[in-house]
Amino acid sequence: TTTTTTTTDGNLKNRHKNCSLKSLLTLNTLRAGLMNLNMIRGDARCVVNVADRAYLVPVVLRILYTKLFEHQKRKVKSSMSSRRTAIITYISTLQPNEIRAFLQILHHSFSRWITDLEKR
């Protein structure tokens, strides 16, 4: 069973047996972690409560952003392209405003240059 609670100070505590944010941190368990972290609204297998979604999605998006560009130190079975495909596929299942938030994270480093060009 899934028990997800939010404390009064906004910290998210997720105690799901098969779903842990720790599985998203290592490249070897990333794809399995994405499969276990189902956040599709309306899906019976969704492991995230609606109230916790606002806290959890930004954390997951920032983790996935770093994994999108992370290089492995040694050769393993999963390649960078298959990891990127898994991440982009997972992000495509999110809500439009959550996808927009990911795109803002993705383009954040370019925003300074864009504003500098607009000022000229």
PDB file of N, CA and C in Angstrom:
ATOM      1  N   THR A   1       0.836  -1.186   0.000  1.00  0.00           N
ATOM      2  CA  THR A   1       0.000   0.000   0.000  1.00  0.00           C
ATOM      3  C   THR A   1       0.875   1.242   0.000  1.00  0.00           C
ATOM      4  N   THR A   2       0.264   2.336  -0.395  1.00  0.00           N
ATOM      5  CA  THR A   2       0.974   3.591  -0.469  1.00  0.00           C
ATOM      6  C   THR A   2       0.532   4.485   0.668  1.00  0.00           C
ATOM      7  N   THR A   3       1.476   5.000   1.414  1.00  0.00           N
ATOM      8  CA  THR A   3       1.165   6.006   2.418  1.00  0.00           C
ATOM      9  C   THR A   3       2.067   7.192   2.172  1.00  0.00           C
ATOM     10  N   THR A   4       1.471   8.259   1.721  1.00  0.00           N
ATOM     11  CA  THR A   4       2.212   9.465   1.446  1.00  0.00           C
ATOM     12  C   THR A   4       1.615  10.569   2.290  1.00  0.00           C
ATOM     13  N   THR A   5       2.435  11.253   3.064  1.00  0.00           N
ATOM     14  CA  THR A   5       1.936  12.316   3.919  1.00  0.00           C
ATOM     15  C   THR A   5       2.767  13.562   3.726  1.00  0.00           C
ATOM     16  N   THR A   6       2.135  14.689   3.966  1.00  0.00           N
ATOM     17  CA  THR A   6       2.836  15.949   3.927  1.00  0.00           C
ATOM     18  C   THR A   6       2.786  16.538   5.321  1.00  0.00           C
ATOM     19  N   THR A   7       3.924  16.922   5.853  1.00  0.00           N
ATOM     20  CA  THR A   7       3.950  17.523   7.176  1.00  0.00           C
ATOM     21  C   THR A   7       3.567  18.989   7.069  1.00  0.00           C
ATOM     22  N   THR A   8       3.315  19.612   8.213  1.00  0.00           N
ATOM     23  CA  THR A   8       2.867  20.998   8.211  1.00  0.00           C
ATOM     24  C   THR A   8       3.913  21.955   7.670  1.00  0.00           C
ATOM     25  N   ASP A   9       5.182  21.610   7.740  1.00  0.00           N
ATOM     26  CA  ASP A   9       6.214  22.511   7.237  1.00  0.00           C
ATOM     27  C   ASP A   9       6.493  22.313   5.752  1.00  0.00           C
ATOM     28  N   GLY A  10       5.704  21.472   5.072  1.00  0.00           N
ATOM     29  CA  GLY A  10       5.830  21.301   3.632  1.00  0.00           C
ATOM     30  C   GLY A  10       6.776  20.199   3.212  1.00  0.00           C
ATOM     31  N   ASN A  11       7.415  19.496   4.149  1.00  0.00           N
ATOM     32  CA  ASN A  11       8.311  18.402   3.776  1.00  0.00           C
ATOM     33  C   ASN A  11       7.500  17.192   3.358  1.00  0.00           C
ATOM     34  N   LEU A  12       7.924  16.573   2.279  1.00  0.00           N
ATOM     35  CA  LEU A  12       7.212  15.410   1.760  1.00  0.00           C
ATOM     36  C   LEU A  12       7.868  14.145   2.257  1.00  0.00           C
ATOM     37  N   LYS A  13       7.071  13.268   2.814  1.00  0.00           N
ATOM     38  CA  LYS A  13       7.573  11.973   3.246  1.00  0.00           C
ATOM     39  C   LYS A  13       6.851  10.914   2.429  1.00  0.00           C
ATOM     40  N   ASN A  14       7.576  10.222   1.608  1.00  0.00           N
ATOM     41  CA  ASN A  14       6.989   9.191   0.761  1.00  0.00           C
ATOM     42  C   ASN A  14       7.479   7.846   1.254  1.00  0.00           C
ATOM     43  N   ARG A  15       6.548   7.018   1.697  1.00  0.00           N
ATOM     44  CA  ARG A  15       6.918   5.705   2.220  1.00  0.00           C
ATOM     45  C   ARG A  15       6.241   4.617   1.392  1.00  0.00           C
ATOM     46  N   HIS A  16       6.554   4.554   0.155  1.00  0.00           N
ATOM     47  CA  HIS A  16       6.014   3.527  -0.731  1.00  0.00           C
ATOM     48  C   HIS A  16       7.061   2.441  -0.883  1.00  0.00           C
ATOM     49  N   LYS A  17       6.642   1.200  -0.756  1.00  0.00           N
ATOM     50  CA  LYS A  17       7.599   0.083  -0.792  1.00  0.00           C
ATOM     51  C   LYS A  17       8.419   0.057  -2.081  1.00  0.00           C
ATOM     52  N   ASN A  18       7.753   0.151  -3.226  1.00  0.00           N
ATOM     53  CA  ASN A  18       8.438  -0.027  -4.503  1.00  0.00           C
ATOM     54  C   ASN A  18       8.897   1.279  -5.134  1.00  0.00           C
ATOM     55  N   CYS A  19       8.502   2.383  -4.561  1.00  0.00           N
ATOM     56  CA  CYS A  19       8.783   3.665  -5.185  1.00  0.00           C
ATOM     57  C   CYS A  19       9.574   4.534  -4.232  1.00  0.00           C
ATOM     58  N   SER A  20      10.769   4.859  -4.610  1.00  0.00           N
ATOM     59  CA  SER A  20      11.614   5.696  -3.782  1.00  0.00           C
ATOM     60  C   SER A  20      12.334   6.688  -4.677  1.00  0.00           C
ATOM     61  N   LEU A  21      12.449   7.910  -4.209  1.00  0.00           N
ATOM     62  CA  LEU A  21      13.204   8.896  -4.972  1.00  0.00           C
ATOM     63  C   LEU A  21      14.670   8.506  -5.063  1.00  0.00           C
ATOM     64  N   LYS A  22      15.137   7.700  -4.128  1.00  0.00           N
ATOM     65  CA  LYS A  22      16.528   7.236  -4.170  1.00  0.00           C
ATOM     66  C   LYS A  22      16.804   6.426  -5.428  1.00  0.00           C
ATOM     67  N   SER A  23      15.797   5.730  -5.940  1.00  0.00           N
ATOM     68  CA  SER A  23      16.008   4.938  -7.153  1.00  0.00           C
ATOM     69  C   SER A  23      16.218   5.822  -8.375  1.00  0.00           C
ATOM     70  N   LEU A  24      15.823   7.093  -8.292  1.00  0.00           N
ATOM     71  CA  LEU A  24      16.051   8.017  -9.402  1.00  0.00           C
ATOM     72  C   LEU A  24      17.459   8.607  -9.375  1.00  0.00           C
ATOM     73  N   LEU A  25      18.151   8.443  -8.269  1.00  0.00           N
ATOM     74  CA  LEU A  25      19.465   9.068  -8.123  1.00  0.00           C
ATOM     75  C   LEU A  25      20.596   8.287  -8.767  1.00  0.00           C
ATOM     76  N   THR A  26      20.452   6.982  -8.899  1.00  0.00           N
ATOM     77  CA  THR A  26      21.509   6.194  -9.523  1.00  0.00           C
ATOM     78  C   THR A  26      21.091   5.811 -10.934  1.00  0.00           C
ATOM     79  N   LEU A  27      22.043   5.817 -11.831  1.00  0.00           N
ATOM     80  CA  LEU A  27      21.729   5.533 -13.228  1.00  0.00           C
ATOM     81  C   LEU A  27      21.288   4.090 -13.437  1.00  0.00           C
ATOM     82  N   ASN A  28      21.771   3.180 -12.597  1.00  0.00           N
ATOM     83  CA  ASN A  28      21.411   1.775 -12.756  1.00  0.00           C
ATOM     84  C   ASN A  28      19.950   1.501 -12.422  1.00  0.00           C
ATOM     85  N   THR A  29      19.367   2.297 -11.537  1.00  0.00           N
ATOM     86  CA  THR A  29      17.986   2.056 -11.114  1.00  0.00           C
ATOM     87  C   THR A  29      17.023   3.126 -11.607  1.00  0.00           C
ATOM     88  N   LEU A  30      17.489   4.031 -12.436  1.00  0.00           N
ATOM     89  CA  LEU A  30      16.660   5.151 -12.892  1.00  0.00           C
ATOM     90  C   LEU A  30      15.417   4.689 -13.640  1.00  0.00           C
ATOM     91  N   ARG A  31      15.587   3.828 -14.615  1.00  0.00           N
ATOM     92  CA  ARG A  31      14.444   3.405 -15.434  1.00  0.00           C
ATOM     93  C   ARG A  31      13.409   2.647 -14.598  1.00  0.00           C
ATOM     94  N   ALA A  32      13.861   1.784 -13.698  1.00  0.00           N
ATOM     95  CA  ALA A  32      12.931   1.068 -12.827  1.00  0.00           C
ATOM     96  C   ALA A  32      12.238   2.043 -11.881  1.00  0.00           C
ATOM     97  N   GLY A  33      12.982   3.031 -11.395  1.00  0.00           N
ATOM     98  CA  GLY A  33      12.393   4.036 -10.517  1.00  0.00           C
ATOM     99  C   GLY A  33      11.328   4.849 -11.221  1.00  0.00           C
ATOM    100  N   LEU A  34      11.547   5.178 -12.486  1.00  0.00           N
ATOM    101  CA  LEU A  34      10.541   5.912 -13.260  1.00  0.00           C
ATOM    102  C   LEU A  34       9.286   5.080 -13.473  1.00  0.00           C
ATOM    103  N   MET A  35       9.469   3.795 -13.702  1.00  0.00           N
ATOM    104  CA  MET A  35       8.307   2.923 -13.902  1.00  0.00           C
ATOM    105  C   MET A  35       7.494   2.775 -12.617  1.00  0.00           C
ATOM    106  N   ASN A  36       8.167   2.768 -11.469  1.00  0.00           N
ATOM    107  CA  ASN A  36       7.465   2.624 -10.200  1.00  0.00           C
ATOM    108  C   ASN A  36       6.849   3.919  -9.702  1.00  0.00           C
ATOM    109  N   LEU A  37       7.330   5.045 -10.184  1.00  0.00           N
ATOM    110  CA  LEU A  37       6.814   6.342  -9.757  1.00  0.00           C
ATOM    111  C   LEU A  37       5.769   6.817 -10.754  1.00  0.00           C
ATOM    112  N   ASN A  38       4.627   6.222 -10.706  1.00  0.00           N
ATOM    113  CA  ASN A  38       3.537   6.545 -11.627  1.00  0.00           C
ATOM    114  C   ASN A  38       2.796   7.770 -11.094  1.00  0.00           C
ATOM    115  N   MET A  39       2.798   8.860 -11.860  1.00  0.00           N
ATOM    116  CA  MET A  39       2.112  10.082 -11.440  1.00  0.00           C
ATOM    117  C   MET A  39       1.029  10.493 -12.432  1.00  0.00           C
ATOM    118  N   ILE A  40       0.530   9.572 -13.212  1.00  0.00           N
ATOM    119  CA  ILE A  40      -0.514   9.886 -14.185  1.00  0.00           C
ATOM    120  C   ILE A  40      -1.830  10.074 -13.445  1.00  0.00           C
ATOM    121  N   ARG A  41      -2.396  11.257 -13.557  1.00  0.00           N
ATOM    122  CA  ARG A  41      -3.665  11.536 -12.886  1.00  0.00           C
ATOM    123  C   ARG A  41      -4.771  10.677 -13.476  1.00  0.00           C
ATOM    124  N   GLY A  42      -5.615  10.153 -12.609  1.00  0.00           N
ATOM    125  CA  GLY A  42      -6.722   9.332 -13.039  1.00  0.00           C
ATOM    126  C   GLY A  42      -6.366   7.859 -13.203  1.00  0.00           C
ATOM    127  N   ASP A  43      -5.102   7.533 -13.165  1.00  0.00           N
ATOM    128  CA  ASP A  43      -4.657   6.150 -13.275  1.00  0.00           C
ATOM    129  C   ASP A  43      -4.771   5.491 -11.904  1.00  0.00           C
ATOM    130  N   ALA A  44      -5.326   4.290 -11.869  1.00  0.00           N
ATOM    131  CA  ALA A  44      -5.495   3.574 -10.603  1.00  0.00           C
ATOM    132  C   ALA A  44      -4.157   3.229  -9.966  1.00  0.00           C
ATOM    133  N   ARG A  45      -3.102   3.152 -10.767  1.00  0.00           N
ATOM    134  CA  ARG A  45      -1.773   2.805 -10.241  1.00  0.00           C
ATOM    135  C   ARG A  45      -0.978   4.025  -9.799  1.00  0.00           C
ATOM    136  N   CYS A  46      -1.577   5.204  -9.822  1.00  0.00           N
ATOM    137  CA  CYS A  46      -0.891   6.431  -9.435  1.00  0.00           C
ATOM    138  C   CYS A  46      -0.487   6.349  -7.970  1.00  0.00           C
ATOM    139  N   VAL A  47       0.795   6.590  -7.683  1.00  0.00           N
ATOM    140  CA  VAL A  47       1.306   6.443  -6.325  1.00  0.00           C
ATOM    141  C   VAL A  47       1.446   7.775  -5.597  1.00  0.00           C
ATOM    142  N   VAL A  48       1.012   8.865  -6.224  1.00  0.00           N
ATOM    143  CA  VAL A  48       1.181  10.184  -5.629  1.00  0.00           C
ATOM    144  C   VAL A  48      -0.197  10.783  -5.350  1.00  0.00           C
ATOM    145  N   ASN A  49      -0.394  11.203  -4.105  1.00  0.00           N
ATOM    146  CA  ASN A  49      -1.635  11.883  -3.751  1.00  0.00           C
ATOM    147  C   ASN A  49      -1.674  13.246  -4.398  1.00  0.00           C
ATOM    148  N   VAL A  50      -2.868  13.720  -4.707  1.00  0.00           N
ATOM    149  CA  VAL A  50      -3.026  15.018  -5.358  1.00  0.00           C
ATOM    150  C   VAL A  50      -2.435  16.130  -4.498  1.00  0.00           C
ATOM    151  N   ALA A  51      -2.623  16.056  -3.189  1.00  0.00           N
ATOM    152  CA  ALA A  51      -2.106  17.096  -2.294  1.00  0.00           C
ATOM    153  C   ALA A  51      -0.581  17.128  -2.275  1.00  0.00           C
ATOM    154  N   ASP A  52       0.060  15.995  -2.481  1.00  0.00           N
ATOM    155  CA  ASP A  52       1.518  15.919  -2.443  1.00  0.00           C
ATOM    156  C   ASP A  52       2.173  16.236  -3.780  1.00  0.00           C
ATOM    157  N   ARG A  53       1.405  16.270  -4.820  1.00  0.00           N
ATOM    158  CA  ARG A  53       1.932  16.443  -6.166  1.00  0.00           C
ATOM    159  C   ARG A  53       2.702  17.756  -6.318  1.00  0.00           C
ATOM    160  N   ALA A  54       2.188  18.821  -5.730  1.00  0.00           N
ATOM    161  CA  ALA A  54       2.831  20.130  -5.852  1.00  0.00           C
ATOM    162  C   ALA A  54       4.226  20.145  -5.226  1.00  0.00           C
ATOM    163  N   TYR A  55       4.445  19.317  -4.218  1.00  0.00           N
ATOM    164  CA  TYR A  55       5.756  19.232  -3.578  1.00  0.00           C
ATOM    165  C   TYR A  55       6.681  18.250  -4.300  1.00  0.00           C
ATOM    166  N   LEU A  56       6.117  17.164  -4.783  1.00  0.00           N
ATOM    167  CA  LEU A  56       6.925  16.083  -5.334  1.00  0.00           C
ATOM    168  C   LEU A  56       7.386  16.334  -6.765  1.00  0.00           C
ATOM    169  N   VAL A  57       6.520  16.867  -7.606  1.00  0.00           N
ATOM    170  CA  VAL A  57       6.849  17.036  -9.025  1.00  0.00           C
ATOM    171  C   VAL A  57       8.073  17.920  -9.234  1.00  0.00           C
ATOM    172  N   PRO A  58       8.203  19.081  -8.581  1.00  0.00           N
ATOM    173  CA  PRO A  58       9.423  19.884  -8.796  1.00  0.00           C
ATOM    174  C   PRO A  58      10.707  19.158  -8.396  1.00  0.00           C
ATOM    175  N   VAL A  59      10.644  18.353  -7.350  1.00  0.00           N
ATOM    176  CA  VAL A  59      11.820  17.590  -6.920  1.00  0.00           C
ATOM    177  C   VAL A  59      12.183  16.555  -7.979  1.00  0.00           C
ATOM    178  N   VAL A  60      11.185  15.827  -8.456  1.00  0.00           N
ATOM    179  CA  VAL A  60      11.422  14.802  -9.481  1.00  0.00           C
ATOM    180  C   VAL A  60      11.947  15.444 -10.762  1.00  0.00           C
ATOM    181  N   LEU A  61      11.397  16.577 -11.152  1.00  0.00           N
ATOM    182  CA  LEU A  61      11.845  17.245 -12.375  1.00  0.00           C
ATOM    183  C   LEU A  61      13.303  17.678 -12.277  1.00  0.00           C
ATOM    184  N   ARG A  62      13.713  18.178 -11.142  1.00  0.00           N
ATOM    185  CA  ARG A  62      15.116  18.598 -10.980  1.00  0.00           C
ATOM    186  C   ARG A  62      16.061  17.398 -10.983  1.00  0.00           C
ATOM    187  N   ILE A  63      15.623  16.297 -10.405  1.00  0.00           N
ATOM    188  CA  ILE A  63      16.438  15.075 -10.447  1.00  0.00           C
ATOM    189  C   ILE A  63      16.573  14.597 -11.888  1.00  0.00           C
ATOM    190  N   LEU A  64      15.456  14.573 -12.609  1.00  0.00           N
ATOM    191  CA  LEU A  64      15.480  14.093 -13.994  1.00  0.00           C
ATOM    192  C   LEU A  64      16.301  15.017 -14.893  1.00  0.00           C
ATOM    193  N   TYR A  65      16.252  16.310 -14.625  1.00  0.00           N
ATOM    194  CA  TYR A  65      17.056  17.251 -15.405  1.00  0.00           C
ATOM    195  C   TYR A  65      18.539  16.917 -15.281  1.00  0.00           C
ATOM    196  N   THR A  66      18.996  16.643 -14.075  1.00  0.00           N
ATOM    197  CA  THR A  66      20.417  16.311 -13.899  1.00  0.00           C
ATOM    198  C   THR A  66      20.766  14.986 -14.554  1.00  0.00           C
ATOM    199  N   LYS A  67      19.850  14.031 -14.515  1.00  0.00           N
ATOM    200  CA  LYS A  67      20.117  12.720 -15.108  1.00  0.00           C
ATOM    201  C   LYS A  67      20.085  12.770 -16.629  1.00  0.00           C
ATOM    202  N   LEU A  68      19.433  13.768 -17.177  1.00  0.00           N
ATOM    203  CA  LEU A  68      19.357  13.906 -18.626  1.00  0.00           C
ATOM    204  C   LEU A  68      20.734  14.136 -19.246  1.00  0.00           C
ATOM    205  N   PHE A  69      21.620  14.793 -18.501  1.00  0.00           N
ATOM    206  CA  PHE A  69      22.932  15.152 -19.033  1.00  0.00           C
ATOM    207  C   PHE A  69      24.089  14.459 -18.341  1.00  0.00           C
ATOM    208  N   GLU A  70      23.816  13.620 -17.369  1.00  0.00           N
ATOM    209  CA  GLU A  70      24.879  12.962 -16.615  1.00  0.00           C
ATOM    210  C   GLU A  70      25.552  11.867 -17.442  1.00  0.00           C
ATOM    211  N   HIS A  71      26.865  11.868 -17.422  1.00  0.00           N
ATOM    212  CA  HIS A  71      27.642  10.838 -18.111  1.00  0.00           C
ATOM    213  C   HIS A  71      28.034   9.755 -17.114  1.00  0.00           C
ATOM    214  N   GLN A  72      28.079   8.526 -17.607  1.00  0.00           N
ATOM    215  CA  GLN A  72      28.495   7.427 -16.749  1.00  0.00           C
ATOM    216  C   GLN A  72      30.003   7.302 -16.760  1.00  0.00           C
ATOM    217  N   LYS A  73      30.546   6.900 -15.633  1.00  0.00           N
ATOM    218  CA  LYS A  73      31.991   6.764 -15.520  1.00  0.00           C
ATOM    219  C   LYS A  73      32.507   5.501 -16.189  1.00  0.00           C
ATOM    220  N   ARG A  74      31.665   4.500 -16.251  1.00  0.00           N
ATOM    221  CA  ARG A  74      32.080   3.243 -16.883  1.00  0.00           C
ATOM    222  C   ARG A  74      30.935   2.723 -17.749  1.00  0.00           C
ATOM    223  N   LYS A  75      31.251   1.821 -18.607  1.00  0.00           N
ATOM    224  CA  LYS A  75      30.243   1.255 -19.500  1.00  0.00           C
ATOM    225  C   LYS A  75      29.275   0.369 -18.725  1.00  0.00           C
ATOM    226  N   VAL A  76      28.004   0.610 -18.916  1.00  0.00           N
ATOM    227  CA  VAL A  76      26.961  -0.254 -18.368  1.00  0.00           C
ATOM    228  C   VAL A  76      25.949  -0.521 -19.464  1.00  0.00           C
ATOM    229  N   LYS A  77      24.962  -1.345 -19.164  1.00  0.00           N
ATOM    230  CA  LYS A  77      24.016  -1.760 -20.188  1.00  0.00           C
ATOM    231  C   LYS A  77      23.226  -0.600 -20.792  1.00  0.00           C
ATOM    232  N   SER A  78      22.728   0.285 -19.939  1.00  0.00           N
ATOM    233  CA  SER A  78      21.880   1.354 -20.466  1.00  0.00           C
ATOM    234  C   SER A  78      22.723   2.494 -21.010  1.00  0.00           C
ATOM    235  N   SER A  79      22.405   2.924 -22.191  1.00  0.00           N
ATOM    236  CA  SER A  79      23.146   4.007 -22.810  1.00  0.00           C
ATOM    237  C   SER A  79      22.480   5.344 -22.484  1.00  0.00           C
ATOM    238  N   MET A  80      23.185   6.412 -22.792  1.00  0.00           N
ATOM    239  CA  MET A  80      22.640   7.743 -22.532  1.00  0.00           C
ATOM    240  C   MET A  80      21.374   7.983 -23.346  1.00  0.00           C
ATOM    241  N   SER A  81      21.341   7.522 -24.572  1.00  0.00           N
ATOM    242  CA  SER A  81      20.160   7.752 -25.412  1.00  0.00           C
ATOM    243  C   SER A  81      18.937   7.013 -24.880  1.00  0.00           C
ATOM    244  N   SER A  82      19.112   5.797 -24.393  1.00  0.00           N
ATOM    245  CA  SER A  82      17.954   5.085 -23.842  1.00  0.00           C
ATOM    246  C   SER A  82      17.501   5.717 -22.532  1.00  0.00           C
ATOM    247  N   ARG A  83      18.443   6.240 -21.741  1.00  0.00           N
ATOM    248  CA  ARG A  83      18.083   6.935 -20.502  1.00  0.00           C
ATOM    249  C   ARG A  83      17.319   8.210 -20.829  1.00  0.00           C
ATOM    250  N   ARG A  84      17.801   8.956 -21.809  1.00  0.00           N
ATOM    251  CA  ARG A  84      17.109  10.189 -22.210  1.00  0.00           C
ATOM    252  C   ARG A  84      15.715   9.892 -22.748  1.00  0.00           C
ATOM    253  N   THR A  85      15.588   8.827 -23.502  1.00  0.00           N
ATOM    254  CA  THR A  85      14.277   8.441 -24.018  1.00  0.00           C
ATOM    255  C   THR A  85      13.332   8.113 -22.878  1.00  0.00           C
ATOM    256  N   ALA A  86      13.809   7.383 -21.882  1.00  0.00           N
ATOM    257  CA  ALA A  86      12.975   7.035 -20.728  1.00  0.00           C
ATOM    258  C   ALA A  86      12.549   8.284 -19.963  1.00  0.00           C
ATOM    259  N   ILE A  87      13.463   9.229 -19.791  1.00  0.00           N
ATOM    260  CA  ILE A  87      13.147  10.456 -19.059  1.00  0.00           C
ATOM    261  C   ILE A  87      12.131  11.302 -19.819  1.00  0.00           C
ATOM    262  N   ILE A  88      12.345  11.500 -21.102  1.00  0.00           N
ATOM    263  CA  ILE A  88      11.424  12.305 -21.903  1.00  0.00           C
ATOM    264  C   ILE A  88      10.056  11.633 -21.993  1.00  0.00           C
ATOM    265  N   THR A  89      10.030  10.323 -22.117  1.00  0.00           N
ATOM    266  CA  THR A  89       8.758   9.599 -22.140  1.00  0.00           C
ATOM    267  C   THR A  89       8.017   9.783 -20.824  1.00  0.00           C
ATOM    268  N   TYR A  90       8.738   9.710 -19.724  1.00  0.00           N
ATOM    269  CA  TYR A  90       8.121   9.903 -18.414  1.00  0.00           C
ATOM    270  C   TYR A  90       7.567  11.320 -18.280  1.00  0.00           C
ATOM    271  N   ILE A  91       8.332  12.307 -18.692  1.00  0.00           N
ATOM    272  CA  ILE A  91       7.884  13.698 -18.594  1.00  0.00           C
ATOM    273  C   ILE A  91       6.657  13.937 -19.458  1.00  0.00           C
ATOM    274  N   SER A  92       6.550  13.236 -20.563  1.00  0.00           N
ATOM    275  CA  SER A  92       5.389  13.403 -21.442  1.00  0.00           C
ATOM    276  C   SER A  92       4.089  12.940 -20.790  1.00  0.00           C
ATOM    277  N   THR A  93       4.172  12.162 -19.709  1.00  0.00           N
ATOM    278  CA  THR A  93       2.955  11.707 -19.025  1.00  0.00           C
ATOM    279  C   THR A  93       2.471  12.710 -17.978  1.00  0.00           C
ATOM    280  N   LEU A  94       3.227  13.768 -17.742  1.00  0.00           N
ATOM    281  CA  LEU A  94       2.853  14.757 -16.735  1.00  0.00           C
ATOM    282  C   LEU A  94       1.824  15.743 -17.283  1.00  0.00           C
ATOM    283  N   GLN A  95       1.300  16.569 -16.402  1.00  0.00           N
ATOM    284  CA  GLN A  95       0.331  17.599 -16.771  1.00  0.00           C
ATOM    285  C   GLN A  95       1.030  18.709 -17.555  1.00  0.00           C
ATOM    286  N   PRO A  96       0.293  19.442 -18.415  1.00  0.00           N
ATOM    287  CA  PRO A  96       0.923  20.496 -19.223  1.00  0.00           C
ATOM    288  C   PRO A  96       1.678  21.541 -18.405  1.00  0.00           C
ATOM    289  N   ASN A  97       1.145  21.952 -17.257  1.00  0.00           N
ATOM    290  CA  ASN A  97       1.853  22.947 -16.447  1.00  0.00           C
ATOM    291  C   ASN A  97       3.136  22.372 -15.853  1.00  0.00           C
ATOM    292  N   GLU A  98       3.177  21.065 -15.601  1.00  0.00           N
ATOM    293  CA  GLU A  98       4.379  20.418 -15.086  1.00  0.00           C
ATOM    294  C   GLU A  98       5.427  20.264 -16.188  1.00  0.00           C
ATOM    295  N   ILE A  99       4.984  20.001 -17.395  1.00  0.00           N
ATOM    296  CA  ILE A  99       5.894  19.942 -18.542  1.00  0.00           C
ATOM    297  C   ILE A  99       6.487  21.330 -18.785  1.00  0.00           C
ATOM    298  N   ARG A 100       5.650  22.352 -18.668  1.00  0.00           N
ATOM    299  CA  ARG A 100       6.118  23.725 -18.820  1.00  0.00           C
ATOM    300  C   ARG A 100       7.187  24.051 -17.772  1.00  0.00           C
ATOM    301  N   ALA A 101       6.993  23.581 -16.551  1.00  0.00           N
ATOM    302  CA  ALA A 101       7.985  23.801 -15.485  1.00  0.00           C
ATOM    303  C   ALA A 101       9.307  23.126 -15.830  1.00  0.00           C
ATOM    304  N   PHE A 102       9.243  21.932 -16.416  1.00  0.00           N
ATOM    305  CA  PHE A 102      10.472  21.243 -16.823  1.00  0.00           C
ATOM    306  C   PHE A 102      11.177  22.021 -17.932  1.00  0.00           C
ATOM    307  N   LEU A 103      10.419  22.541 -18.878  1.00  0.00           N
ATOM    308  CA  LEU A 103      11.028  23.314 -19.963  1.00  0.00           C
ATOM    309  C   LEU A 103      11.668  24.596 -19.432  1.00  0.00           C
ATOM    310  N   GLN A 104      11.069  25.193 -18.401  1.00  0.00           N
ATOM    311  CA  GLN A 104      11.679  26.370 -17.789  1.00  0.00           C
ATOM    312  C   GLN A 104      13.001  26.014 -17.113  1.00  0.00           C
ATOM    313  N   ILE A 105      13.046  24.856 -16.461  1.00  0.00           N
ATOM    314  CA  ILE A 105      14.295  24.391 -15.852  1.00  0.00           C
ATOM    315  C   ILE A 105      15.332  24.142 -16.944  1.00  0.00           C
ATOM    316  N   LEU A 106      14.897  23.533 -18.022  1.00  0.00           N
ATOM    317  CA  LEU A 106      15.782  23.185 -19.121  1.00  0.00           C
ATOM    318  C   LEU A 106      16.391  24.431 -19.779  1.00  0.00           C
ATOM    319  N   HIS A 107      15.592  25.473 -19.923  1.00  0.00           N
ATOM    320  CA  HIS A 107      16.053  26.681 -20.617  1.00  0.00           C
ATOM    321  C   HIS A 107      16.516  27.780 -19.674  1.00  0.00           C
ATOM    322  N   HIS A 108      16.574  27.496 -18.399  1.00  0.00           N
ATOM    323  CA  HIS A 108      16.955  28.514 -17.422  1.00  0.00           C
ATOM    324  C   HIS A 108      18.350  29.087 -17.691  1.00  0.00           C
ATOM    325  N   SER A 109      19.270  28.247 -18.063  1.00  0.00           N
ATOM    326  CA  SER A 109      20.636  28.728 -18.288  1.00  0.00           C
ATOM    327  C   SER A 109      20.727  29.671 -19.482  1.00  0.00           C
ATOM    328  N   PHE A 110      19.778  29.592 -20.402  1.00  0.00           N
ATOM    329  CA  PHE A 110      19.787  30.469 -21.567  1.00  0.00           C
ATOM    330  C   PHE A 110      19.004  31.752 -21.345  1.00  0.00           C
ATOM    331  N   SER A 111      18.214  31.804 -20.294  1.00  0.00           N
ATOM    332  CA  SER A 111      17.346  32.961 -20.080  1.00  0.00           C
ATOM    333  C   SER A 111      18.145  34.248 -19.881  1.00  0.00           C
ATOM    334  N   ARG A 112      19.311  34.157 -19.241  1.00  0.00           N
ATOM    335  CA  ARG A 112      20.146  35.340 -19.045  1.00  0.00           C
ATOM    336  C   ARG A 112      20.604  35.907 -20.382  1.00  0.00           C
ATOM    337  N   TRP A 113      21.001  35.024 -21.293  1.00  0.00           N
ATOM    338  CA  TRP A 113      21.443  35.485 -22.601  1.00  0.00           C
ATOM    339  C   TRP A 113      20.303  36.094 -23.389  1.00  0.00           C
ATOM    340  N   ILE A 114      19.141  35.503 -23.272  1.00  0.00           N
ATOM    341  CA  ILE A 114      17.977  36.016 -24.009  1.00  0.00           C
ATOM    342  C   ILE A 114      17.622  37.411 -23.507  1.00  0.00           C
ATOM    343  N   THR A 115      17.623  37.602 -22.196  1.00  0.00           N
ATOM    344  CA  THR A 115      17.300  38.943 -21.663  1.00  0.00           C
ATOM    345  C   THR A 115      18.385  39.946 -22.036  1.00  0.00           C
ATOM    346  N   ASP A 116      19.648  39.515 -22.089  1.00  0.00           N
ATOM    347  CA  ASP A 116      20.724  40.419 -22.524  1.00  0.00           C
ATOM    348  C   ASP A 116      20.526  40.836 -23.975  1.00  0.00           C
ATOM    349  N   LEU A 117      20.106  39.917 -24.839  1.00  0.00           N
ATOM    350  CA  LEU A 117      19.871  40.236 -26.248  1.00  0.00           C
ATOM    351  C   LEU A 117      18.682  41.168 -26.408  1.00  0.00           C
ATOM    352  N   GLU A 118      17.661  40.972 -25.582  1.00  0.00           N
ATOM    353  CA  GLU A 118      16.476  41.831 -25.665  1.00  0.00           C
ATOM    354  C   GLU A 118      16.769  43.257 -25.228  1.00  0.00           C
ATOM    355  N   LYS A 119      17.734  43.430 -24.326  1.00  0.00           N
ATOM    356  CA  LYS A 119      18.094  44.762 -23.846  1.00  0.00           C
ATOM    357  C   LYS A 119      18.864  45.558 -24.880  1.00  0.00           C
ATOM    358  N   ARG A 120      19.507  44.886 -25.820  1.00  0.00           N
ATOM    359  CA  ARG A 120      20.331  45.566 -26.831  1.00  0.00           C
ATOM    360  C   ARG A 120      19.518  46.265 -27.838  1.00  0.00           C
TER     361      ARG A 120
END
